[in-house]
């Protein structure tokens, strides 16, 4: 990585301190980071995310874990076999299941850009089964909702997902669900706030 890019990556994290001072894990300035933390911060900021928002500031306290998790996250978000719209639907279901406000805030916007209907997202926010879902959206909703609420899926739900997405798709669906559970847990414990100027509808209590 070129030096200016490395500096920019670390500066992004340092500047976050003025935005999220109430977090339980105070943002780390570059000079506060260990060499291991600096390396992970640079890798995250230089990747497809382009920054260190969300769980990454907390994860940097365990840089080896942070690096392993961010690599999984890069796959399940950007390289998965699932269409982006369906992947974001799964993430919204996880955010709602864990009442993860920052995750909902971030991925509501990604879901809209990916073409998910606002009506589907709004129904999920209200803990209602969305009406008017496409066939593939229905399979993802049923699989993730059942997995999150019952901790397993029925044979019928599993078979429907296998028929629609194949074995890799099913494993990728499990992967995105599990990864974003970890993200939600981190965001909730770290108390990462939604920006005050957000226009995304917050999850109701």
N, C-alpha and C. Protein backbone atom coordinates (compact mmCIF):
# COMPACT_ATOMS: atom_id res chain seq x y z
N UNK A 1 0.84 -1.19 0.00
CA UNK A 1 0.00 0.00 0.00
C UNK A 1 0.88 1.24 0.00
N UNK A 2 0.50 2.26 -0.79
CA UNK A 2 1.25 3.50 -0.82
C UNK A 2 1.07 4.24 0.49
N UNK A 3 2.09 5.01 0.89
CA UNK A 3 2.07 5.72 2.16
C UNK A 3 0.88 6.66 2.31
N UNK A 4 0.51 7.48 1.27
CA UNK A 4 -0.64 8.37 1.44
C UNK A 4 -1.93 7.61 1.73
N UNK A 5 -2.11 6.47 1.06
CA UNK A 5 -3.30 5.67 1.29
C UNK A 5 -3.30 5.11 2.70
N UNK A 6 -2.14 4.65 3.17
CA UNK A 6 -2.05 4.13 4.52
C UNK A 6 -2.40 5.20 5.54
N UNK A 7 -1.88 6.41 5.33
CA UNK A 7 -2.16 7.51 6.25
C UNK A 7 -3.64 7.86 6.22
N UNK A 8 -4.23 7.87 5.02
CA UNK A 8 -5.65 8.20 4.91
C UNK A 8 -6.50 7.18 5.64
N UNK A 9 -6.11 5.90 5.52
CA UNK A 9 -6.88 4.85 6.19
C UNK A 9 -6.88 5.04 7.69
N UNK A 10 -5.73 5.32 8.25
CA UNK A 10 -5.64 5.49 9.70
C UNK A 10 -6.29 6.79 10.15
N UNK A 11 -6.21 7.82 9.32
CA UNK A 11 -6.84 9.09 9.67
C UNK A 11 -8.35 8.95 9.73
N UNK A 12 -8.92 8.15 8.85
CA UNK A 12 -10.36 7.89 8.89
C UNK A 12 -10.78 7.37 10.25
N UNK A 13 -10.00 6.46 10.78
CA UNK A 13 -10.33 5.89 12.08
C UNK A 13 -10.15 6.92 13.18
N UNK A 14 -9.09 7.69 13.11
CA UNK A 14 -8.85 8.69 14.14
C UNK A 14 -9.94 9.73 14.17
N UNK A 15 -10.39 10.17 12.99
CA UNK A 15 -11.44 11.19 12.93
C UNK A 15 -12.76 10.68 13.48
N UNK A 16 -12.95 9.38 13.50
CA UNK A 16 -14.20 8.84 14.01
C UNK A 16 -14.42 9.19 15.46
N UNK A 17 -13.36 9.55 16.18
CA UNK A 17 -13.50 9.88 17.59
C UNK A 17 -14.40 11.06 17.83
N UNK A 18 -14.47 12.00 16.90
CA UNK A 18 -15.32 13.17 17.08
C UNK A 18 -16.77 12.85 16.78
N UNK A 19 -17.02 11.74 16.09
CA UNK A 19 -18.37 11.38 15.72
C UNK A 19 -19.02 10.42 16.70
N UNK A 20 -18.22 9.56 17.31
CA UNK A 20 -18.77 8.48 18.12
C UNK A 20 -18.15 8.46 19.51
N UNK A 21 -18.07 9.62 20.14
CA UNK A 21 -17.40 9.70 21.44
C UNK A 21 -18.10 8.88 22.51
N UNK A 22 -19.39 8.58 22.31
CA UNK A 22 -20.13 7.86 23.33
C UNK A 22 -19.94 6.35 23.25
N UNK A 23 -19.21 5.87 22.26
CA UNK A 23 -19.01 4.44 22.14
C UNK A 23 -18.22 3.89 23.33
N UNK A 24 -18.47 2.62 23.65
CA UNK A 24 -17.74 1.98 24.75
C UNK A 24 -16.28 1.74 24.41
N UNK A 25 -15.99 1.59 23.13
CA UNK A 25 -14.61 1.43 22.68
C UNK A 25 -14.19 2.74 21.99
N UNK A 26 -13.53 3.63 22.70
CA UNK A 26 -13.15 4.91 22.10
C UNK A 26 -12.33 4.68 20.83
N UNK A 27 -12.61 5.43 19.78
CA UNK A 27 -11.83 5.28 18.55
C UNK A 27 -10.34 5.47 18.81
N UNK A 28 -9.56 4.67 18.13
CA UNK A 28 -8.11 4.70 18.31
C UNK A 28 -7.48 5.66 17.30
N UNK A 29 -6.69 6.60 17.79
CA UNK A 29 -5.89 7.44 16.91
C UNK A 29 -4.74 6.60 16.37
N UNK A 30 -4.21 6.95 15.20
CA UNK A 30 -3.11 6.15 14.63
C UNK A 30 -1.95 5.92 15.59
N UNK A 31 -1.60 6.97 16.35
CA UNK A 31 -0.45 6.83 17.26
C UNK A 31 -0.75 5.92 18.45
N UNK A 32 -2.02 5.62 18.67
CA UNK A 32 -2.40 4.71 19.75
C UNK A 32 -2.38 3.25 19.33
N UNK A 33 -2.32 3.00 18.05
CA UNK A 33 -2.41 1.64 17.54
C UNK A 33 -1.07 0.93 17.60
N UNK A 34 -1.15 -0.36 17.84
CA UNK A 34 0.02 -1.21 17.70
C UNK A 34 0.29 -1.42 16.21
N UNK A 35 1.47 -1.87 15.85
CA UNK A 35 1.72 -2.16 14.43
C UNK A 35 0.71 -3.15 13.84
N UNK A 36 0.28 -4.13 14.64
CA UNK A 36 -0.71 -5.10 14.17
C UNK A 36 -2.05 -4.42 13.90
N UNK A 37 -2.45 -3.53 14.79
CA UNK A 37 -3.70 -2.81 14.59
C UNK A 37 -3.63 -1.90 13.36
N UNK A 38 -2.49 -1.25 13.18
CA UNK A 38 -2.31 -0.38 12.02
C UNK A 38 -2.43 -1.18 10.72
N UNK A 39 -1.84 -2.36 10.70
CA UNK A 39 -1.87 -3.18 9.49
C UNK A 39 -3.30 -3.59 9.16
N UNK A 40 -4.07 -3.99 10.16
CA UNK A 40 -5.46 -4.39 9.93
C UNK A 40 -6.29 -3.19 9.50
N UNK A 41 -6.11 -2.05 10.16
CA UNK A 41 -6.85 -0.85 9.80
C UNK A 41 -6.60 -0.46 8.35
N UNK A 42 -5.34 -0.53 7.92
CA UNK A 42 -5.01 -0.21 6.53
C UNK A 42 -5.68 -1.19 5.57
N UNK A 43 -5.66 -2.47 5.92
CA UNK A 43 -6.24 -3.49 5.04
C UNK A 43 -7.75 -3.27 4.89
N UNK A 44 -8.42 -2.96 5.97
CA UNK A 44 -9.88 -2.74 5.91
C UNK A 44 -10.21 -1.50 5.09
N UNK A 45 -9.52 -0.40 5.39
CA UNK A 45 -9.83 0.86 4.71
C UNK A 45 -9.47 0.83 3.23
N UNK A 46 -8.48 0.02 2.86
CA UNK A 46 -8.07 -0.06 1.47
C UNK A 46 -8.91 -1.04 0.66
N UNK A 47 -9.75 -1.82 1.32
CA UNK A 47 -10.58 -2.81 0.64
C UNK A 47 -11.86 -2.22 0.09
N UNK A 48 -12.80 -3.06 -0.30
CA UNK A 48 -14.03 -2.56 -0.94
C UNK A 48 -14.93 -1.74 -0.02
N UNK A 49 -14.75 -1.85 1.29
CA UNK A 49 -15.58 -1.05 2.21
C UNK A 49 -15.18 0.42 2.16
N UNK A 50 -13.89 0.69 1.96
CA UNK A 50 -13.41 2.05 1.86
C UNK A 50 -13.33 2.81 3.17
N UNK A 51 -13.58 2.16 4.29
CA UNK A 51 -13.55 2.84 5.57
C UNK A 51 -13.68 1.86 6.71
N UNK A 52 -13.76 2.40 7.93
CA UNK A 52 -13.72 1.57 9.13
C UNK A 52 -14.96 1.75 10.01
N UNK A 53 -16.07 2.07 9.40
CA UNK A 53 -17.30 2.25 10.18
C UNK A 53 -17.82 0.90 10.68
N UNK A 54 -18.74 0.97 11.62
CA UNK A 54 -19.38 -0.25 12.11
C UNK A 54 -18.59 -0.93 13.20
N UNK A 55 -18.36 -2.24 13.09
CA UNK A 55 -17.76 -2.99 14.18
C UNK A 55 -16.24 -2.93 14.24
N UNK A 56 -15.61 -2.35 13.23
CA UNK A 56 -14.16 -2.52 13.08
C UNK A 56 -13.35 -1.84 14.17
N UNK A 57 -13.79 -0.69 14.64
CA UNK A 57 -13.07 -0.04 15.72
C UNK A 57 -13.00 -0.93 16.96
N UNK A 58 -14.11 -1.56 17.31
CA UNK A 58 -14.11 -2.49 18.45
C UNK A 58 -13.23 -3.70 18.16
N UNK A 59 -13.35 -4.27 16.96
CA UNK A 59 -12.59 -5.47 16.62
C UNK A 59 -11.09 -5.23 16.65
N UNK A 60 -10.65 -4.01 16.40
CA UNK A 60 -9.21 -3.74 16.40
C UNK A 60 -8.56 -4.04 17.74
N UNK A 61 -9.36 -4.10 18.82
CA UNK A 61 -8.78 -4.46 20.12
C UNK A 61 -8.20 -5.87 20.09
N UNK A 62 -8.66 -6.68 19.15
CA UNK A 62 -8.10 -8.01 18.95
C UNK A 62 -7.73 -8.11 17.47
N UNK A 63 -6.59 -7.58 17.08
CA UNK A 63 -6.29 -7.39 15.66
C UNK A 63 -6.28 -8.67 14.83
N UNK A 64 -5.83 -9.78 15.41
CA UNK A 64 -5.84 -11.02 14.64
C UNK A 64 -7.28 -11.45 14.36
N UNK A 65 -8.14 -11.37 15.37
CA UNK A 65 -9.55 -11.67 15.16
C UNK A 65 -10.16 -10.69 14.16
N UNK A 66 -9.84 -9.41 14.29
CA UNK A 66 -10.36 -8.40 13.37
C UNK A 66 -10.01 -8.73 11.93
N UNK A 67 -8.78 -9.14 11.70
CA UNK A 67 -8.35 -9.45 10.34
C UNK A 67 -9.09 -10.66 9.79
N UNK A 68 -9.24 -11.68 10.61
CA UNK A 68 -9.95 -12.88 10.15
C UNK A 68 -11.42 -12.58 9.87
N UNK A 69 -12.04 -11.80 10.75
CA UNK A 69 -13.45 -11.47 10.56
C UNK A 69 -13.66 -10.57 9.34
N UNK A 70 -12.78 -9.60 9.15
CA UNK A 70 -12.99 -8.70 8.02
C UNK A 70 -12.83 -9.43 6.69
N UNK A 71 -12.00 -10.47 6.68
CA UNK A 71 -11.86 -11.26 5.46
C UNK A 71 -13.12 -12.07 5.17
N UNK A 72 -13.71 -12.64 6.22
CA UNK A 72 -14.99 -13.33 6.05
C UNK A 72 -16.05 -12.35 5.58
N UNK A 73 -16.07 -11.18 6.23
CA UNK A 73 -17.06 -10.17 5.87
C UNK A 73 -16.93 -9.70 4.44
N UNK A 74 -15.71 -9.57 3.96
CA UNK A 74 -15.50 -9.17 2.57
C UNK A 74 -16.10 -10.19 1.62
N UNK A 75 -15.94 -11.48 1.96
CA UNK A 75 -16.54 -12.50 1.10
C UNK A 75 -18.06 -12.45 1.16
N UNK A 76 -18.63 -12.50 2.36
CA UNK A 76 -20.08 -12.65 2.44
C UNK A 76 -20.82 -11.41 1.95
N UNK A 77 -20.15 -10.28 1.93
CA UNK A 77 -20.83 -9.08 1.43
C UNK A 77 -20.56 -8.82 -0.05
N UNK A 78 -19.32 -9.02 -0.49
CA UNK A 78 -18.95 -8.59 -1.83
C UNK A 78 -18.71 -9.72 -2.83
N UNK A 79 -18.48 -10.94 -2.35
CA UNK A 79 -18.09 -12.02 -3.26
C UNK A 79 -19.00 -13.24 -3.18
N UNK A 80 -20.05 -13.15 -2.42
CA UNK A 80 -20.98 -14.26 -2.24
C UNK A 80 -21.61 -14.68 -3.57
N UNK A 81 -22.07 -15.92 -3.61
CA UNK A 81 -22.78 -16.40 -4.80
C UNK A 81 -24.21 -15.88 -4.87
N UNK A 82 -24.70 -15.30 -3.80
CA UNK A 82 -26.08 -14.79 -3.77
C UNK A 82 -26.17 -13.43 -4.43
N UNK A 83 -27.26 -13.14 -5.13
CA UNK A 83 -27.45 -11.79 -5.65
C UNK A 83 -27.44 -10.77 -4.52
N UNK A 84 -26.92 -9.59 -4.81
CA UNK A 84 -26.73 -8.56 -3.79
C UNK A 84 -28.05 -8.22 -3.08
N UNK A 85 -29.12 -8.11 -3.83
CA UNK A 85 -30.42 -7.78 -3.24
C UNK A 85 -30.84 -8.81 -2.20
N UNK A 86 -30.62 -10.07 -2.48
CA UNK A 86 -31.01 -11.13 -1.55
C UNK A 86 -30.08 -11.17 -0.34
N UNK A 87 -28.81 -10.90 -0.58
CA UNK A 87 -27.84 -10.85 0.52
C UNK A 87 -28.23 -9.75 1.51
N UNK A 88 -28.60 -8.59 0.98
CA UNK A 88 -28.99 -7.49 1.85
C UNK A 88 -30.30 -7.79 2.58
N UNK A 89 -31.20 -8.51 1.95
CA UNK A 89 -32.42 -8.94 2.63
C UNK A 89 -32.07 -9.79 3.85
N UNK A 90 -31.14 -10.72 3.67
CA UNK A 90 -30.72 -11.55 4.80
C UNK A 90 -30.12 -10.71 5.91
N UNK A 91 -29.31 -9.71 5.55
CA UNK A 91 -28.67 -8.86 6.56
C UNK A 91 -29.71 -8.05 7.32
N UNK A 92 -30.71 -7.54 6.63
CA UNK A 92 -31.77 -6.79 7.32
C UNK A 92 -32.52 -7.68 8.31
N UNK A 93 -32.72 -8.92 7.97
CA UNK A 93 -33.39 -9.84 8.89
C UNK A 93 -32.55 -10.06 10.15
N UNK A 94 -31.24 -10.15 9.99
CA UNK A 94 -30.36 -10.28 11.16
C UNK A 94 -30.41 -9.01 12.00
N UNK A 95 -30.33 -7.86 11.35
CA UNK A 95 -30.37 -6.59 12.08
C UNK A 95 -31.65 -6.46 12.90
N UNK A 96 -32.76 -6.86 12.32
CA UNK A 96 -34.03 -6.79 13.04
C UNK A 96 -34.06 -7.80 14.19
N UNK A 97 -33.55 -9.00 13.96
CA UNK A 97 -33.57 -10.04 14.99
C UNK A 97 -32.78 -9.62 16.22
N UNK A 98 -31.69 -8.86 16.01
CA UNK A 98 -30.84 -8.45 17.11
C UNK A 98 -31.03 -6.98 17.50
N UNK A 99 -32.03 -6.32 16.89
CA UNK A 99 -32.28 -4.90 17.18
C UNK A 99 -31.00 -4.08 17.05
N UNK A 100 -30.24 -4.35 16.01
CA UNK A 100 -28.96 -3.67 15.79
C UNK A 100 -29.21 -2.42 14.94
N UNK A 101 -29.34 -1.29 15.61
CA UNK A 101 -29.73 -0.06 14.93
C UNK A 101 -28.71 0.39 13.89
N UNK A 102 -27.41 0.32 14.21
CA UNK A 102 -26.41 0.77 13.24
C UNK A 102 -26.39 -0.16 12.02
N UNK A 103 -26.52 -1.45 12.26
CA UNK A 103 -26.53 -2.38 11.14
C UNK A 103 -27.73 -2.11 10.24
N UNK A 104 -28.89 -1.87 10.86
CA UNK A 104 -30.09 -1.55 10.08
C UNK A 104 -29.87 -0.27 9.28
N UNK A 105 -29.35 0.76 9.94
CA UNK A 105 -29.09 2.04 9.29
C UNK A 105 -28.20 1.86 8.05
N UNK A 106 -27.10 1.12 8.20
CA UNK A 106 -26.16 0.97 7.10
C UNK A 106 -26.73 0.11 5.98
N UNK A 107 -27.33 -1.02 6.34
CA UNK A 107 -27.72 -1.97 5.30
C UNK A 107 -29.10 -1.70 4.73
N UNK A 108 -29.91 -0.90 5.38
CA UNK A 108 -31.13 -0.42 4.74
C UNK A 108 -30.76 0.35 3.48
N UNK A 109 -29.75 1.20 3.58
CA UNK A 109 -29.32 1.98 2.42
C UNK A 109 -28.74 1.09 1.32
N UNK A 110 -27.93 0.11 1.72
CA UNK A 110 -27.37 -0.81 0.73
C UNK A 110 -28.48 -1.64 0.07
N UNK A 111 -29.47 -2.03 0.86
CA UNK A 111 -30.57 -2.83 0.32
C UNK A 111 -31.38 -2.04 -0.70
N UNK A 112 -31.63 -0.78 -0.41
CA UNK A 112 -32.37 0.04 -1.37
C UNK A 112 -31.58 0.21 -2.67
N UNK A 113 -30.28 0.42 -2.56
CA UNK A 113 -29.44 0.57 -3.75
C UNK A 113 -29.40 -0.73 -4.56
N UNK A 114 -29.53 -1.86 -3.85
CA UNK A 114 -29.49 -3.16 -4.54
C UNK A 114 -30.83 -3.52 -5.17
N UNK A 115 -31.86 -2.73 -4.91
CA UNK A 115 -33.15 -2.96 -5.55
C UNK A 115 -34.20 -3.62 -4.69
N UNK A 116 -33.95 -3.78 -3.38
CA UNK A 116 -34.98 -4.34 -2.51
C UNK A 116 -36.09 -3.32 -2.32
N UNK A 117 -37.32 -3.79 -2.32
CA UNK A 117 -38.46 -2.90 -2.14
C UNK A 117 -38.47 -2.30 -0.74
N UNK A 118 -38.69 -0.98 -0.62
CA UNK A 118 -38.83 -0.38 0.71
C UNK A 118 -39.94 -1.02 1.53
N UNK A 119 -40.98 -1.49 0.85
CA UNK A 119 -42.10 -2.12 1.56
C UNK A 119 -41.66 -3.40 2.26
N UNK A 120 -40.75 -4.14 1.65
CA UNK A 120 -40.23 -5.35 2.29
C UNK A 120 -39.43 -4.99 3.52
N UNK A 121 -38.55 -4.01 3.40
CA UNK A 121 -37.75 -3.58 4.55
C UNK A 121 -38.65 -3.05 5.66
N UNK A 122 -39.65 -2.28 5.31
CA UNK A 122 -40.53 -1.70 6.32
C UNK A 122 -41.30 -2.80 7.07
N UNK A 123 -41.74 -3.83 6.35
CA UNK A 123 -42.44 -4.94 7.00
C UNK A 123 -41.51 -5.67 7.97
N UNK A 124 -40.27 -5.88 7.57
CA UNK A 124 -39.30 -6.52 8.46
C UNK A 124 -39.11 -5.68 9.71
N UNK A 125 -39.00 -4.37 9.55
CA UNK A 125 -38.84 -3.48 10.70
C UNK A 125 -40.01 -3.61 11.67
N UNK A 126 -41.20 -3.86 11.14
CA UNK A 126 -42.40 -4.00 11.97
C UNK A 126 -42.63 -5.44 12.41
N UNK A 127 -41.67 -6.31 12.13
CA UNK A 127 -41.75 -7.73 12.47
C UNK A 127 -42.97 -8.40 11.81
N UNK A 128 -43.24 -8.00 10.59
CA UNK A 128 -44.33 -8.60 9.82
C UNK A 128 -43.74 -9.32 8.60
N UNK A 129 -44.42 -10.38 8.17
CA UNK A 129 -43.99 -11.05 6.95
C UNK A 129 -44.33 -10.14 5.77
N UNK A 130 -43.34 -9.79 4.95
CA UNK A 130 -43.62 -8.88 3.84
C UNK A 130 -44.56 -9.51 2.81
N UNK A 131 -45.42 -8.69 2.26
CA UNK A 131 -46.28 -9.12 1.15
C UNK A 131 -45.56 -8.81 -0.16
N UNK A 132 -45.94 -9.53 -1.19
CA UNK A 132 -45.44 -9.22 -2.52
C UNK A 132 -43.99 -9.56 -2.78
N UNK A 133 -43.41 -10.48 -2.02
CA UNK A 133 -42.03 -10.89 -2.28
C UNK A 133 -41.95 -11.76 -3.53
N UNK A 134 -40.83 -11.66 -4.23
CA UNK A 134 -40.58 -12.55 -5.36
C UNK A 134 -40.30 -13.95 -4.81
N UNK A 135 -40.20 -14.92 -5.72
CA UNK A 135 -39.96 -16.30 -5.30
C UNK A 135 -38.63 -16.44 -4.58
N UNK A 136 -37.57 -15.81 -5.11
CA UNK A 136 -36.27 -15.95 -4.47
C UNK A 136 -36.23 -15.18 -3.14
N UNK A 137 -36.89 -14.04 -3.07
CA UNK A 137 -36.97 -13.31 -1.81
C UNK A 137 -37.71 -14.12 -0.74
N UNK A 138 -38.75 -14.81 -1.16
CA UNK A 138 -39.51 -15.64 -0.23
C UNK A 138 -38.64 -16.74 0.35
N UNK A 139 -37.83 -17.37 -0.50
CA UNK A 139 -36.95 -18.45 -0.02
C UNK A 139 -35.94 -17.90 0.99
N UNK A 140 -35.33 -16.77 0.69
CA UNK A 140 -34.35 -16.17 1.61
C UNK A 140 -35.03 -15.76 2.91
N UNK A 141 -36.17 -15.12 2.80
CA UNK A 141 -36.89 -14.69 4.01
C UNK A 141 -37.21 -15.90 4.88
N UNK A 142 -37.78 -16.94 4.28
CA UNK A 142 -38.18 -18.11 5.07
C UNK A 142 -36.97 -18.77 5.72
N UNK A 143 -35.89 -18.91 4.97
CA UNK A 143 -34.70 -19.58 5.49
C UNK A 143 -34.10 -18.79 6.65
N UNK A 144 -33.85 -17.51 6.43
CA UNK A 144 -33.18 -16.71 7.47
C UNK A 144 -34.08 -16.47 8.67
N UNK A 145 -35.34 -16.18 8.41
CA UNK A 145 -36.26 -15.94 9.53
C UNK A 145 -36.40 -17.18 10.39
N UNK A 146 -36.52 -18.34 9.75
CA UNK A 146 -36.64 -19.59 10.50
C UNK A 146 -35.36 -19.90 11.27
N UNK A 147 -34.22 -19.69 10.62
CA UNK A 147 -32.93 -19.96 11.28
C UNK A 147 -32.74 -19.05 12.49
N UNK A 148 -33.10 -17.78 12.35
CA UNK A 148 -32.90 -16.82 13.43
C UNK A 148 -33.88 -17.01 14.58
N UNK A 149 -35.08 -17.48 14.27
CA UNK A 149 -36.10 -17.60 15.32
C UNK A 149 -36.15 -18.98 15.96
N UNK A 150 -35.81 -20.02 15.21
CA UNK A 150 -35.89 -21.39 15.75
C UNK A 150 -34.53 -22.04 15.93
N UNK A 151 -33.47 -21.39 15.42
CA UNK A 151 -32.09 -21.89 15.49
C UNK A 151 -31.84 -23.08 14.57
N UNK A 152 -32.75 -23.30 13.62
CA UNK A 152 -32.60 -24.37 12.64
C UNK A 152 -33.57 -24.08 11.50
N UNK A 153 -33.56 -24.94 10.48
CA UNK A 153 -34.56 -24.83 9.42
C UNK A 153 -35.16 -26.20 9.18
N UNK A 154 -36.41 -26.20 8.77
CA UNK A 154 -37.11 -27.45 8.49
C UNK A 154 -36.61 -28.04 7.18
N UNK A 155 -36.95 -29.31 6.95
CA UNK A 155 -36.59 -29.94 5.68
C UNK A 155 -37.20 -29.18 4.51
N UNK A 156 -38.44 -28.74 4.65
CA UNK A 156 -39.10 -28.03 3.55
C UNK A 156 -38.37 -26.73 3.23
N UNK A 157 -37.97 -26.00 4.25
CA UNK A 157 -37.27 -24.74 4.05
C UNK A 157 -35.88 -24.98 3.45
N UNK A 158 -35.20 -25.98 3.96
CA UNK A 158 -33.88 -26.34 3.43
C UNK A 158 -33.98 -26.76 1.97
N UNK A 159 -34.93 -27.61 1.66
CA UNK A 159 -35.07 -28.11 0.29
C UNK A 159 -35.42 -26.99 -0.68
N UNK A 160 -36.24 -26.06 -0.24
CA UNK A 160 -36.59 -24.92 -1.11
C UNK A 160 -35.36 -24.07 -1.41
N UNK A 161 -34.52 -23.85 -0.40
CA UNK A 161 -33.30 -23.07 -0.61
C UNK A 161 -32.31 -23.82 -1.51
N UNK A 162 -32.19 -25.12 -1.31
CA UNK A 162 -31.30 -25.93 -2.15
C UNK A 162 -31.77 -25.90 -3.60
N UNK A 163 -33.07 -26.01 -3.81
CA UNK A 163 -33.60 -26.02 -5.17
C UNK A 163 -33.38 -24.67 -5.85
N UNK A 164 -33.41 -23.60 -5.08
CA UNK A 164 -33.30 -22.26 -5.65
C UNK A 164 -31.85 -21.83 -5.84
N UNK A 165 -31.00 -22.13 -4.86
CA UNK A 165 -29.65 -21.57 -4.86
C UNK A 165 -28.53 -22.59 -4.90
N UNK A 166 -28.83 -23.88 -4.73
CA UNK A 166 -27.80 -24.89 -4.72
C UNK A 166 -27.04 -24.92 -3.41
N UNK A 167 -26.14 -25.88 -3.29
CA UNK A 167 -25.43 -26.08 -2.03
C UNK A 167 -24.58 -24.86 -1.66
N UNK A 168 -23.87 -24.27 -2.63
CA UNK A 168 -23.05 -23.11 -2.31
C UNK A 168 -23.93 -21.95 -1.83
N UNK A 169 -25.05 -21.75 -2.49
CA UNK A 169 -25.94 -20.67 -2.09
C UNK A 169 -26.47 -20.84 -0.68
N UNK A 170 -26.80 -22.08 -0.32
CA UNK A 170 -27.30 -22.34 1.03
C UNK A 170 -26.21 -22.06 2.06
N UNK A 171 -24.99 -22.52 1.78
CA UNK A 171 -23.90 -22.27 2.72
C UNK A 171 -23.58 -20.78 2.79
N UNK A 172 -23.63 -20.09 1.66
CA UNK A 172 -23.40 -18.64 1.68
C UNK A 172 -24.50 -17.92 2.46
N UNK A 173 -25.72 -18.43 2.39
CA UNK A 173 -26.82 -17.84 3.15
C UNK A 173 -26.61 -18.04 4.65
N UNK A 174 -26.17 -19.23 5.02
CA UNK A 174 -25.82 -19.46 6.43
C UNK A 174 -24.67 -18.54 6.84
N UNK A 175 -23.69 -18.40 5.94
CA UNK A 175 -22.52 -17.59 6.25
C UNK A 175 -22.84 -16.13 6.48
N UNK A 176 -23.67 -15.54 5.61
CA UNK A 176 -24.01 -14.13 5.78
C UNK A 176 -24.84 -13.92 7.03
N UNK A 177 -25.71 -14.88 7.34
CA UNK A 177 -26.51 -14.77 8.55
C UNK A 177 -25.62 -14.83 9.78
N UNK A 178 -24.72 -15.79 9.83
CA UNK A 178 -23.85 -15.93 10.99
C UNK A 178 -22.88 -14.78 11.15
N UNK A 179 -22.31 -14.31 10.05
CA UNK A 179 -21.36 -13.20 10.14
C UNK A 179 -22.05 -11.95 10.68
N UNK A 180 -23.24 -11.67 10.19
CA UNK A 180 -23.91 -10.44 10.64
C UNK A 180 -24.54 -10.58 12.02
N UNK A 181 -24.70 -11.79 12.51
CA UNK A 181 -25.00 -11.94 13.94
C UNK A 181 -23.81 -11.45 14.75
N UNK A 182 -22.60 -11.85 14.35
CA UNK A 182 -21.39 -11.38 15.03
C UNK A 182 -21.28 -9.86 14.95
N UNK A 183 -21.55 -9.30 13.79
CA UNK A 183 -21.51 -7.85 13.64
C UNK A 183 -22.53 -7.19 14.57
N UNK A 184 -23.74 -7.72 14.61
CA UNK A 184 -24.80 -7.15 15.46
C UNK A 184 -24.41 -7.20 16.93
N UNK A 185 -23.87 -8.33 17.36
CA UNK A 185 -23.44 -8.44 18.75
C UNK A 185 -22.40 -7.38 19.09
N UNK A 186 -21.45 -7.20 18.18
CA UNK A 186 -20.40 -6.21 18.41
C UNK A 186 -20.97 -4.80 18.46
N UNK A 187 -21.81 -4.46 17.50
CA UNK A 187 -22.39 -3.12 17.45
C UNK A 187 -23.22 -2.82 18.70
N UNK A 188 -23.97 -3.81 19.15
CA UNK A 188 -24.81 -3.59 20.33
C UNK A 188 -23.98 -3.42 21.59
N UNK A 189 -22.97 -4.28 21.77
CA UNK A 189 -22.13 -4.17 22.96
C UNK A 189 -21.30 -2.88 22.91
N UNK A 190 -20.78 -2.54 21.74
CA UNK A 190 -19.98 -1.33 21.59
C UNK A 190 -20.81 -0.06 21.62
N UNK A 191 -22.13 -0.21 21.45
CA UNK A 191 -23.05 0.93 21.44
C UNK A 191 -22.68 1.93 20.34
N UNK A 192 -22.44 1.39 19.16
CA UNK A 192 -22.11 2.24 18.01
C UNK A 192 -23.37 2.99 17.59
N UNK A 193 -23.35 4.32 17.61
CA UNK A 193 -24.56 5.09 17.33
C UNK A 193 -24.81 5.32 15.85
N UNK A 194 -26.08 5.52 15.53
CA UNK A 194 -26.45 5.95 14.18
C UNK A 194 -26.17 7.45 14.08
N UNK A 195 -25.64 7.93 12.96
CA UNK A 195 -25.40 9.37 12.82
C UNK A 195 -26.66 10.18 13.08
N UNK A 196 -26.50 11.31 13.72
CA UNK A 196 -27.65 12.14 14.10
C UNK A 196 -28.43 12.63 12.90
N UNK A 197 -27.77 12.77 11.75
CA UNK A 197 -28.45 13.30 10.56
C UNK A 197 -29.01 12.20 9.67
N UNK A 198 -29.10 10.97 10.17
CA UNK A 198 -29.60 9.86 9.37
C UNK A 198 -31.05 10.08 8.97
N UNK A 199 -31.36 9.73 7.73
CA UNK A 199 -32.74 9.78 7.24
C UNK A 199 -33.34 8.38 7.14
N UNK A 200 -32.59 7.37 7.55
CA UNK A 200 -33.10 5.99 7.51
C UNK A 200 -34.05 5.79 8.68
N UNK A 201 -35.25 5.23 8.44
CA UNK A 201 -36.18 4.99 9.55
C UNK A 201 -35.55 4.05 10.58
N UNK A 202 -35.55 4.44 11.84
CA UNK A 202 -34.97 3.61 12.88
C UNK A 202 -35.86 2.41 13.17
N UNK A 203 -35.24 1.35 13.64
CA UNK A 203 -36.03 0.20 14.08
C UNK A 203 -36.88 0.58 15.27
N UNK A 204 -38.17 0.26 15.24
CA UNK A 204 -39.00 0.54 16.41
C UNK A 204 -38.62 -0.37 17.57
N UNK A 205 -38.89 0.09 18.77
CA UNK A 205 -38.58 -0.69 19.97
C UNK A 205 -39.39 -1.99 19.97
